[in-house]
């Protein structure tokens, strides 16, 4: 059965249902201005999961958000029945709708891979052979693991990866620690804004010192004065990085060895 086109009040839509939504931290300013001036020009895609349930958003979550932000109370929509659009097909429709108009960020790619595997039963071989290419990812098992883990990290770590202030592998490493250590490490690495190779060097120092001294990162960094060093507004970024490297290296090799 083909979808039905109609104007749908926002009150009929489950705006907090994210079953098919993969967008993370969307850029809204241009769309918000457009919707404010002329409304929604392209219909959103909605799904009726059962007779009495609110409609699920399949495609068009940003347009709906822009409607909320600009005071619009309804939206033009194509409404599918659950029989006409099963959940798996709805998710694939949402995926291709996004792929057709923009580049997905790392968190979105992780969400897609994780949901395909956990909610729709796709096997790793299928994800590697079919979906990694769609997502412009190398078809390797470690890719699935890394991006799947990224999708489960707390928002502050995900946001830092998307913003480019934290390498993916560093975010995954930080995510293995308890909350206090995660916060301390996140502040250090995003403050320094280092690349992958330099981050690996700092991670190695911290790991080896913590293992040797039976401590955790947060008290270690505090004892070494690294947060205070980063707070010095008059010190340029590259000089701060050199200072942090020197402090960690001296802590790792206190007598100049290595």
C-alpha atoms as a PDB file:
ATOM      1  CA  UNK A   1       0.000   0.000   0.000  1.00  0.00           C
ATOM      2  CA  UNK A   2       1.328   3.419  -0.968  1.00  0.00           C
ATOM      3  CA  UNK A   3       1.807   6.080   1.696  1.00  0.00           C
ATOM      4  CA  UNK A   4      -0.938   8.625   2.280  1.00  0.00           C
ATOM      5  CA  UNK A   5      -0.086  12.293   1.869  1.00  0.00           C
ATOM      6  CA  UNK A   6      -1.620  14.606   4.454  1.00  0.00           C
ATOM      7  CA  UNK A   7      -0.888  17.546   6.713  1.00  0.00           C
ATOM      8  CA  UNK A   8      -0.070  16.107  10.143  1.00  0.00           C
ATOM      9  CA  UNK A   9      -0.254  18.080  13.417  1.00  0.00           C
ATOM     10  CA  UNK A  10       2.919  17.745  15.482  1.00  0.00           C
ATOM     11  CA  UNK A  11       0.763  16.477  18.349  1.00  0.00           C
ATOM     12  CA  UNK A  12       0.162  13.268  16.355  1.00  0.00           C
ATOM     13  CA  UNK A  13       3.902  12.561  16.025  1.00  0.00           C
ATOM     14  CA  UNK A  14       6.066  10.769  18.603  1.00  0.00           C
ATOM     15  CA  UNK A  15       8.814  13.386  18.506  1.00  0.00           C
ATOM     16  CA  UNK A  16      10.792  11.566  21.210  1.00  0.00           C
ATOM     17  CA  UNK A  17      10.780   8.248  19.303  1.00  0.00           C
ATOM     18  CA  UNK A  18      14.283   7.792  17.845  1.00  0.00           C
ATOM     19  CA  UNK A  19      13.799   4.290  16.417  1.00  0.00           C
ATOM     20  CA  UNK A  20      14.746   5.383  12.896  1.00  0.00           C
ATOM     21  CA  UNK A  21      16.635   8.596  13.607  1.00  0.00           C
ATOM     22  CA  UNK A  22      20.405   8.492  13.109  1.00  0.00           C
ATOM     23  CA  UNK A  23      21.180  12.215  12.988  1.00  0.00           C
ATOM     24  CA  UNK A  24      23.598  13.406  15.670  1.00  0.00           C
ATOM     25  CA  UNK A  25      24.247  17.090  16.395  1.00  0.00           C
ATOM     26  CA  UNK A  26      22.629  18.451  13.236  1.00  0.00           C
ATOM     27  CA  UNK A  27      23.439  21.893  11.893  1.00  0.00           C
ATOM     28  CA  UNK A  28      20.082  23.657  12.100  1.00  0.00           C
ATOM     29  CA  UNK A  29      20.578  27.365  11.436  1.00  0.00           C
ATOM     30  CA  UNK A  30      19.987  27.433   7.675  1.00  0.00           C
ATOM     31  CA  UNK A  31      17.057  25.016   7.832  1.00  0.00           C
ATOM     32  CA  UNK A  32      15.528  26.894  10.742  1.00  0.00           C
ATOM     33  CA  UNK A  33      15.648  30.165   8.768  1.00  0.00           C
ATOM     34  CA  UNK A  34      14.087  28.465   5.744  1.00  0.00           C
ATOM     35  CA  UNK A  35      11.241  26.880   7.719  1.00  0.00           C
ATOM     36  CA  UNK A  36      10.609  30.157   9.525  1.00  0.00           C
ATOM     37  CA  UNK A  37      10.145  31.966   6.199  1.00  0.00           C
ATOM     38  CA  UNK A  38       8.388  29.437   3.949  1.00  0.00           C
ATOM     39  CA  UNK A  39       7.547  26.404   6.086  1.00  0.00           C
ATOM     40  CA  UNK A  40       8.389  22.798   5.243  1.00  0.00           C
ATOM     41  CA  UNK A  41       8.561  22.304   1.469  1.00  0.00           C
ATOM     42  CA  UNK A  42       9.491  18.609   1.343  1.00  0.00           C
ATOM     43  CA  UNK A  43       7.166  16.147   3.117  1.00  0.00           C
ATOM     44  CA  UNK A  44       8.539  14.168   6.017  1.00  0.00           C
ATOM     45  CA  UNK A  45       8.077  10.387   6.112  1.00  0.00           C
ATOM     46  CA  UNK A  46       6.089   8.990   9.029  1.00  0.00           C
ATOM     47  CA  UNK A  47       5.084   5.470  10.070  1.00  0.00           C
ATOM     48  CA  UNK A  48       1.979   4.319  11.920  1.00  0.00           C
ATOM     49  CA  UNK A  49       3.201   1.424  14.131  1.00  0.00           C
ATOM     50  CA  UNK A  50      -0.347   0.554  15.289  1.00  0.00           C
ATOM     51  CA  UNK A  51      -3.853   1.978  15.056  1.00  0.00           C
ATOM     52  CA  UNK A  52      -3.732   3.977  18.291  1.00  0.00           C
ATOM     53  CA  UNK A  53      -0.039   4.842  18.478  1.00  0.00           C
ATOM     54  CA  UNK A  54       1.566   8.152  17.635  1.00  0.00           C
ATOM     55  CA  UNK A  55       3.363   8.339  14.311  1.00  0.00           C
ATOM     56  CA  UNK A  56       7.050   7.442  14.175  1.00  0.00           C
ATOM     57  CA  UNK A  57       9.533   9.689  12.368  1.00  0.00           C
ATOM     58  CA  UNK A  58      11.302   7.862   9.532  1.00  0.00           C
ATOM     59  CA  UNK A  59      12.754  10.721   7.473  1.00  0.00           C
ATOM     60  CA  UNK A  60      12.699  14.412   8.277  1.00  0.00           C
ATOM     61  CA  UNK A  61      13.662  14.718  11.933  1.00  0.00           C
ATOM     62  CA  UNK A  62      15.526  17.980  11.285  1.00  0.00           C
ATOM     63  CA  UNK A  63      12.509  19.492   9.524  1.00  0.00           C
ATOM     64  CA  UNK A  64      10.344  18.554  12.494  1.00  0.00           C
ATOM     65  CA  UNK A  65      12.848  20.060  14.909  1.00  0.00           C
ATOM     66  CA  UNK A  66      12.881  23.252  12.844  1.00  0.00           C
ATOM     67  CA  UNK A  67       9.067  23.324  13.031  1.00  0.00           C
ATOM     68  CA  UNK A  68       9.215  23.119  16.811  1.00  0.00           C
ATOM     69  CA  UNK A  69      11.842  25.854  16.943  1.00  0.00           C
ATOM     70  CA  UNK A  70       9.886  28.223  14.691  1.00  0.00           C
ATOM     71  CA  UNK A  71       6.386  27.693  16.045  1.00  0.00           C
ATOM     72  CA  UNK A  72       4.870  25.621  13.230  1.00  0.00           C
ATOM     73  CA  UNK A  73       2.212  23.245  14.513  1.00  0.00           C
ATOM     74  CA  UNK A  74       1.963  20.852  11.574  1.00  0.00           C
ATOM     75  CA  UNK A  75       3.937  19.427   8.694  1.00  0.00           C
ATOM     76  CA  UNK A  76       3.238  17.905   5.253  1.00  0.00           C
ATOM     77  CA  UNK A  77       3.912  14.175   5.432  1.00  0.00           C
ATOM     78  CA  UNK A  78       3.801  10.841   3.680  1.00  0.00           C
ATOM     79  CA  UNK A  79       2.298   8.413   6.193  1.00  0.00           C
ATOM     80  CA  UNK A  80       2.988   4.675   5.899  1.00  0.00           C
ATOM     81  CA  UNK A  81       1.239   1.841   7.648  1.00  0.00           C
ATOM     82  CA  UNK A  82       3.379  -0.666   9.552  1.00  0.00           C
ATOM     83  CA  UNK A  83       2.417  -3.320   6.998  1.00  0.00           C
ATOM     84  CA  UNK A  84       3.490  -1.156   4.074  1.00  0.00           C
ATOM     85  CA  UNK A  85       6.762  -0.162   5.722  1.00  0.00           C
ATOM     86  CA  UNK A  86       8.182  -2.774   8.141  1.00  0.00           C
ATOM     87  CA  UNK A  87      10.654  -1.501  10.727  1.00  0.00           C
ATOM     88  CA  UNK A  88      13.742  -2.815   8.950  1.00  0.00           C
ATOM     89  CA  UNK A  89      12.738  -1.217   5.657  1.00  0.00           C
ATOM     90  CA  UNK A  90      11.965   2.013   7.476  1.00  0.00           C
ATOM     91  CA  UNK A  91      15.443   2.127   8.950  1.00  0.00           C
ATOM     92  CA  UNK A  92      17.046   1.448   5.567  1.00  0.00           C
ATOM     93  CA  UNK A  93      14.898   4.197   4.064  1.00  0.00           C
ATOM     94  CA  UNK A  94      16.127   6.600   6.734  1.00  0.00           C
ATOM     95  CA  UNK A  95      19.717   5.519   6.101  1.00  0.00           C
ATOM     96  CA  UNK A  96      19.585   6.120   2.354  1.00  0.00           C
ATOM     97  CA  UNK A  97      17.692   9.368   2.811  1.00  0.00           C
ATOM     98  CA  UNK A  98      20.624  10.658   4.872  1.00  0.00           C
ATOM     99  CA  UNK A  99      23.308   9.225   2.603  1.00  0.00           C
ATOM    100  CA  UNK A 100      21.748  10.925  -0.385  1.00  0.00           C
ATOM    101  CA  UNK A 101      22.058  14.449   0.937  1.00  0.00           C
ATOM    102  CA  UNK A 102      25.053  14.729   3.267  1.00  0.00           C
ATOM    103  CA  UNK A 103      28.187  13.188   4.761  1.00  0.00           C
ATOM    104  CA  UNK A 104      27.546  11.255   7.953  1.00  0.00           C
ATOM    105  CA  UNK A 105      29.702  11.865  10.994  1.00  0.00           C
ATOM    106  CA  UNK A 106      31.452   9.158  13.002  1.00  0.00           C
ATOM    107  CA  UNK A 107      28.776   8.857  15.683  1.00  0.00           C
ATOM    108  CA  UNK A 108      26.039   8.474  13.079  1.00  0.00           C
ATOM    109  CA  UNK A 109      28.001   5.731  11.344  1.00  0.00           C
ATOM    110  CA  UNK A 110      28.442   3.961  14.657  1.00  0.00           C
ATOM    111  CA  UNK A 111      24.741   4.222  15.441  1.00  0.00           C
ATOM    112  CA  UNK A 112      23.836   2.754  12.070  1.00  0.00           C
ATOM    113  CA  UNK A 113      26.161  -0.232  12.378  1.00  0.00           C
ATOM    114  CA  UNK A 114      25.152  -0.929  15.965  1.00  0.00           C
ATOM    115  CA  UNK A 115      21.430  -0.715  15.243  1.00  0.00           C
ATOM    116  CA  UNK A 116      21.667  -2.894  12.150  1.00  0.00           C
ATOM    117  CA  UNK A 117      23.391  -5.553  14.221  1.00  0.00           C
ATOM    118  CA  UNK A 118      21.489  -5.330  17.499  1.00  0.00           C
ATOM    119  CA  UNK A 119      17.971  -4.446  16.361  1.00  0.00           C
ATOM    120  CA  UNK A 120      17.731  -5.971  12.909  1.00  0.00           C
ATOM    121  CA  UNK A 121      20.001  -8.994  13.247  1.00  0.00           C
ATOM    122  CA  UNK A 122      22.524  -8.226  10.523  1.00  0.00           C
ATOM    123  CA  UNK A 123      25.586 -10.444  10.765  1.00  0.00           C
ATOM    124  CA  UNK A 124      29.081  -8.893  10.897  1.00  0.00           C
ATOM    125  CA  UNK A 125      29.929 -10.338   7.470  1.00  0.00           C
ATOM    126  CA  UNK A 126      26.997  -8.494   5.897  1.00  0.00           C
ATOM    127  CA  UNK A 127      27.882  -5.270   7.665  1.00  0.00           C
ATOM    128  CA  UNK A 128      31.458  -5.536   6.418  1.00  0.00           C
ATOM    129  CA  UNK A 129      30.570  -6.436   2.840  1.00  0.00           C
ATOM    130  CA  UNK A 130      27.547  -4.205   2.262  1.00  0.00           C
ATOM    131  CA  UNK A 131      27.368  -1.376   4.745  1.00  0.00           C
ATOM    132  CA  UNK A 132      30.993  -0.377   5.371  1.00  0.00           C
ATOM    133  CA  UNK A 133      31.277   0.661   1.734  1.00  0.00           C
ATOM    134  CA  UNK A 134      28.067   2.699   1.999  1.00  0.00           C
ATOM    135  CA  UNK A 135      29.456   4.447   5.059  1.00  0.00           C
ATOM    136  CA  UNK A 136      32.912   4.977   3.547  1.00  0.00           C
ATOM    137  CA  UNK A 137      34.571   2.810   6.207  1.00  0.00           C
ATOM    138  CA  UNK A 138      37.266   0.150   5.811  1.00  0.00           C
ATOM    139  CA  UNK A 139      35.653  -3.323   5.851  1.00  0.00           C
ATOM    140  CA  UNK A 140      37.497  -4.660   8.885  1.00  0.00           C
ATOM    141  CA  UNK A 141      36.282  -6.309  12.084  1.00  0.00           C
ATOM    142  CA  UNK A 142      38.042  -3.710  14.209  1.00  0.00           C
ATOM    143  CA  UNK A 143      36.068  -1.019  12.366  1.00  0.00           C
ATOM    144  CA  UNK A 144      32.779  -2.559  13.479  1.00  0.00           C
ATOM    145  CA  UNK A 145      34.030  -2.850  17.030  1.00  0.00           C
ATOM    146  CA  UNK A 146      35.357   0.718  17.214  1.00  0.00           C
ATOM    147  CA  UNK A 147      32.323   2.423  15.698  1.00  0.00           C
ATOM    148  CA  UNK A 148      29.929   0.236  17.663  1.00  0.00           C
ATOM    149  CA  UNK A 149      31.682   1.242  20.888  1.00  0.00           C
ATOM    150  CA  UNK A 150      31.643   4.903  19.879  1.00  0.00           C
ATOM    151  CA  UNK A 151      27.854   4.747  19.588  1.00  0.00           C
ATOM    152  CA  UNK A 152      27.623   3.693  23.249  1.00  0.00           C
ATOM    153  CA  UNK A 153      29.908   6.367  24.723  1.00  0.00           C
ATOM    154  CA  UNK A 154      28.554   9.313  26.704  1.00  0.00           C
ATOM    155  CA  UNK A 155      27.609  12.415  24.776  1.00  0.00           C
ATOM    156  CA  UNK A 156      30.639  14.508  25.785  1.00  0.00           C
ATOM    157  CA  UNK A 157      33.025  11.987  24.228  1.00  0.00           C
ATOM    158  CA  UNK A 158      30.910  11.546  21.115  1.00  0.00           C
ATOM    159  CA  UNK A 159      30.667  15.303  20.662  1.00  0.00           C
ATOM    160  CA  UNK A 160      34.439  15.736  20.970  1.00  0.00           C
ATOM    161  CA  UNK A 161      35.011  13.150  18.230  1.00  0.00           C
ATOM    162  CA  UNK A 162      32.481  14.790  15.913  1.00  0.00           C
ATOM    163  CA  UNK A 163      33.919  18.254  16.579  1.00  0.00           C
ATOM    164  CA  UNK A 164      37.437  17.005  15.788  1.00  0.00           C
ATOM    165  CA  UNK A 165      38.943  17.787  19.192  1.00  0.00           C
ATOM    166  CA  UNK A 166      39.462  14.132  20.132  1.00  0.00           C
ATOM    167  CA  UNK A 167      40.707  11.207  17.992  1.00  0.00           C
ATOM    168  CA  UNK A 168      38.347   8.257  17.850  1.00  0.00           C
ATOM    169  CA  UNK A 169      40.744   5.755  19.391  1.00  0.00           C
ATOM    170  CA  UNK A 170      41.509   8.163  22.235  1.00  0.00           C
ATOM    171  CA  UNK A 171      37.799   8.584  22.936  1.00  0.00           C
ATOM    172  CA  UNK A 172      37.402   4.797  23.096  1.00  0.00           C
ATOM    173  CA  UNK A 173      40.332   4.580  25.520  1.00  0.00           C
ATOM    174  CA  UNK A 174      38.924   7.331  27.731  1.00  0.00           C
ATOM    175  CA  UNK A 175      35.581   5.548  27.697  1.00  0.00           C
ATOM    176  CA  UNK A 176      37.059   2.561  29.552  1.00  0.00           C
ATOM    177  CA  UNK A 177      37.657   4.638  32.702  1.00  0.00           C
ATOM    178  CA  UNK A 178      35.358   5.654  35.542  1.00  0.00           C
ATOM    179  CA  UNK A 179      33.526   8.990  35.427  1.00  0.00           C
ATOM    180  CA  UNK A 180      36.089  11.085  37.326  1.00  0.00           C
ATOM    181  CA  UNK A 181      38.939   9.856  35.153  1.00  0.00           C
ATOM    182  CA  UNK A 182      36.919  10.265  31.956  1.00  0.00           C
ATOM    183  CA  UNK A 183      36.225  13.889  32.756  1.00  0.00           C
ATOM    184  CA  UNK A 184      39.850  14.650  33.626  1.00  0.00           C
ATOM    185  CA  UNK A 185      41.187  12.957  30.502  1.00  0.00           C
ATOM    186  CA  UNK A 186      38.595  14.565  28.256  1.00  0.00           C
ATOM    187  CA  UNK A 187      39.539  18.033  29.489  1.00  0.00           C
ATOM    188  CA  UNK A 188      43.236  17.378  28.920  1.00  0.00           C
ATOM    189  CA  UNK A 189      42.977  15.916  25.432  1.00  0.00           C
ATOM    190  CA  UNK A 190      40.365  18.330  24.107  1.00  0.00           C
ATOM    191  CA  UNK A 191      42.334  21.198  25.603  1.00  0.00           C
ATOM    192  CA  UNK A 192      45.439  20.106  23.732  1.00  0.00           C
ATOM    193  CA  UNK A 193      43.592  19.145  20.503  1.00  0.00           C
ATOM    194  CA  UNK A 194      46.266  16.667  19.498  1.00  0.00           C
ATOM    195  CA  UNK A 195      46.281  14.377  16.481  1.00  0.00           C
ATOM    196  CA  UNK A 196      46.152  10.609  16.594  1.00  0.00           C
ATOM    197  CA  UNK A 197      49.892   9.939  16.773  1.00  0.00           C
ATOM    198  CA  UNK A 198      50.610  12.523  19.466  1.00  0.00           C
ATOM    199  CA  UNK A 199      47.589  11.323  21.424  1.00  0.00           C
ATOM    200  CA  UNK A 200      48.957   7.766  21.315  1.00  0.00           C
ATOM    201  CA  UNK A 201      52.191   8.998  22.841  1.00  0.00           C
ATOM    202  CA  UNK A 202      50.408  10.713  25.718  1.00  0.00           C
ATOM    203  CA  UNK A 203      48.123   7.706  26.247  1.00  0.00           C
ATOM    204  CA  UNK A 204      51.155   5.426  26.493  1.00  0.00           C
ATOM    205  CA  UNK A 205      52.787   7.619  29.138  1.00  0.00           C
ATOM    206  CA  UNK A 206      49.589   7.811  31.199  1.00  0.00           C
ATOM    207  CA  UNK A 207      48.877   4.093  30.929  1.00  0.00           C
ATOM    208  CA  UNK A 208      52.408   3.090  31.893  1.00  0.00           C
ATOM    209  CA  UNK A 209      52.610   5.506  34.828  1.00  0.00           C
ATOM    210  CA  UNK A 210      49.219   4.403  36.177  1.00  0.00           C
ATOM    211  CA  UNK A 211      50.185   0.757  35.885  1.00  0.00           C
ATOM    212  CA  UNK A 212      53.539   1.305  37.582  1.00  0.00           C
ATOM    213  CA  UNK A 213      52.205   3.482  40.389  1.00  0.00           C
ATOM    214  CA  UNK A 214      48.853   1.684  40.832  1.00  0.00           C
ATOM    215  CA  UNK A 215      46.922   4.919  40.357  1.00  0.00           C
ATOM    216  CA  UNK A 216      44.239   6.284  38.060  1.00  0.00           C
ATOM    217  CA  UNK A 217      44.506   9.174  35.583  1.00  0.00           C
ATOM    218  CA  UNK A 218      42.564  11.905  37.423  1.00  0.00           C
ATOM    219  CA  UNK A 219      44.745  12.079  40.568  1.00  0.00           C
ATOM    220  CA  UNK A 220      47.872  11.504  38.484  1.00  0.00           C
ATOM    221  CA  UNK A 221      47.181  14.456  36.188  1.00  0.00           C
ATOM    222  CA  UNK A 222      46.313  16.638  39.164  1.00  0.00           C
ATOM    223  CA  UNK A 223      49.496  15.671  41.043  1.00  0.00           C
ATOM    224  CA  UNK A 224      51.591  16.489  37.971  1.00  0.00           C
ATOM    225  CA  UNK A 225      49.976  19.932  37.677  1.00  0.00           C
ATOM    226  CA  UNK A 226      48.747  19.345  34.146  1.00  0.00           C
ATOM    227  CA  UNK A 227      45.256  20.904  34.571  1.00  0.00           C
ATOM    228  CA  UNK A 228      46.854  24.038  36.010  1.00  0.00           C
ATOM    229  CA  UNK A 229      49.319  24.136  33.145  1.00  0.00           C
ATOM    230  CA  UNK A 230      46.520  23.996  30.580  1.00  0.00           C
ATOM    231  CA  UNK A 231      44.670  26.771  32.400  1.00  0.00           C
ATOM    232  CA  UNK A 232      47.526  29.232  31.798  1.00  0.00           C
ATOM    233  CA  UNK A 233      45.934  31.576  29.270  1.00  0.00           C
ATOM    234  CA  UNK A 234      49.186  33.252  28.257  1.00  0.00           C
ATOM    235  CA  UNK A 235      50.861  30.017  27.120  1.00  0.00           C
ATOM    236  CA  UNK A 236      50.286  29.181  23.415  1.00  0.00           C
ATOM    237  CA  UNK A 237      48.762  25.833  22.533  1.00  0.00           C
ATOM    238  CA  UNK A 238      51.868  24.233  20.989  1.00  0.00           C
ATOM    239  CA  UNK A 239      53.927  25.242  24.026  1.00  0.00           C
ATOM    240  CA  UNK A 240      51.339  23.719  26.343  1.00  0.00           C
ATOM    241  CA  UNK A 241      51.533  20.450  24.428  1.00  0.00           C
ATOM    242  CA  UNK A 242      55.338  20.422  24.660  1.00  0.00           C
ATOM    243  CA  UNK A 243      55.107  21.093  28.390  1.00  0.00           C
ATOM    244  CA  UNK A 244      52.565  18.304  28.955  1.00  0.00           C
ATOM    245  CA  UNK A 245      54.689  15.869  26.978  1.00  0.00           C
ATOM    246  CA  UNK A 246      57.756  16.820  28.987  1.00  0.00           C
ATOM    247  CA  UNK A 247      55.946  16.478  32.327  1.00  0.00           C
ATOM    248  CA  UNK A 248      54.537  13.073  31.429  1.00  0.00           C
ATOM    249  CA  UNK A 249      57.831  11.842  29.992  1.00  0.00           C
ATOM    250  CA  UNK A 250      59.708  12.896  33.119  1.00  0.00           C
ATOM    251  CA  UNK A 251      57.095  11.189  35.285  1.00  0.00           C
ATOM    252  CA  UNK A 252      57.402   8.037  33.218  1.00  0.00           C
ATOM    253  CA  UNK A 253      61.206   8.118  33.196  1.00  0.00           C
ATOM    254  CA  UNK A 254      62.075  10.034  36.381  1.00  0.00           C
ATOM    255  CA  UNK A 255      65.825   9.499  36.019  1.00  0.00           C
ATOM    256  CA  UNK A 256      66.046  10.328  32.359  1.00  0.00           C
ATOM    257  CA  UNK A 257      65.911   6.750  31.079  1.00  0.00           C
ATOM    258  CA  UNK A 258      64.208   5.969  27.786  1.00  0.00           C
END
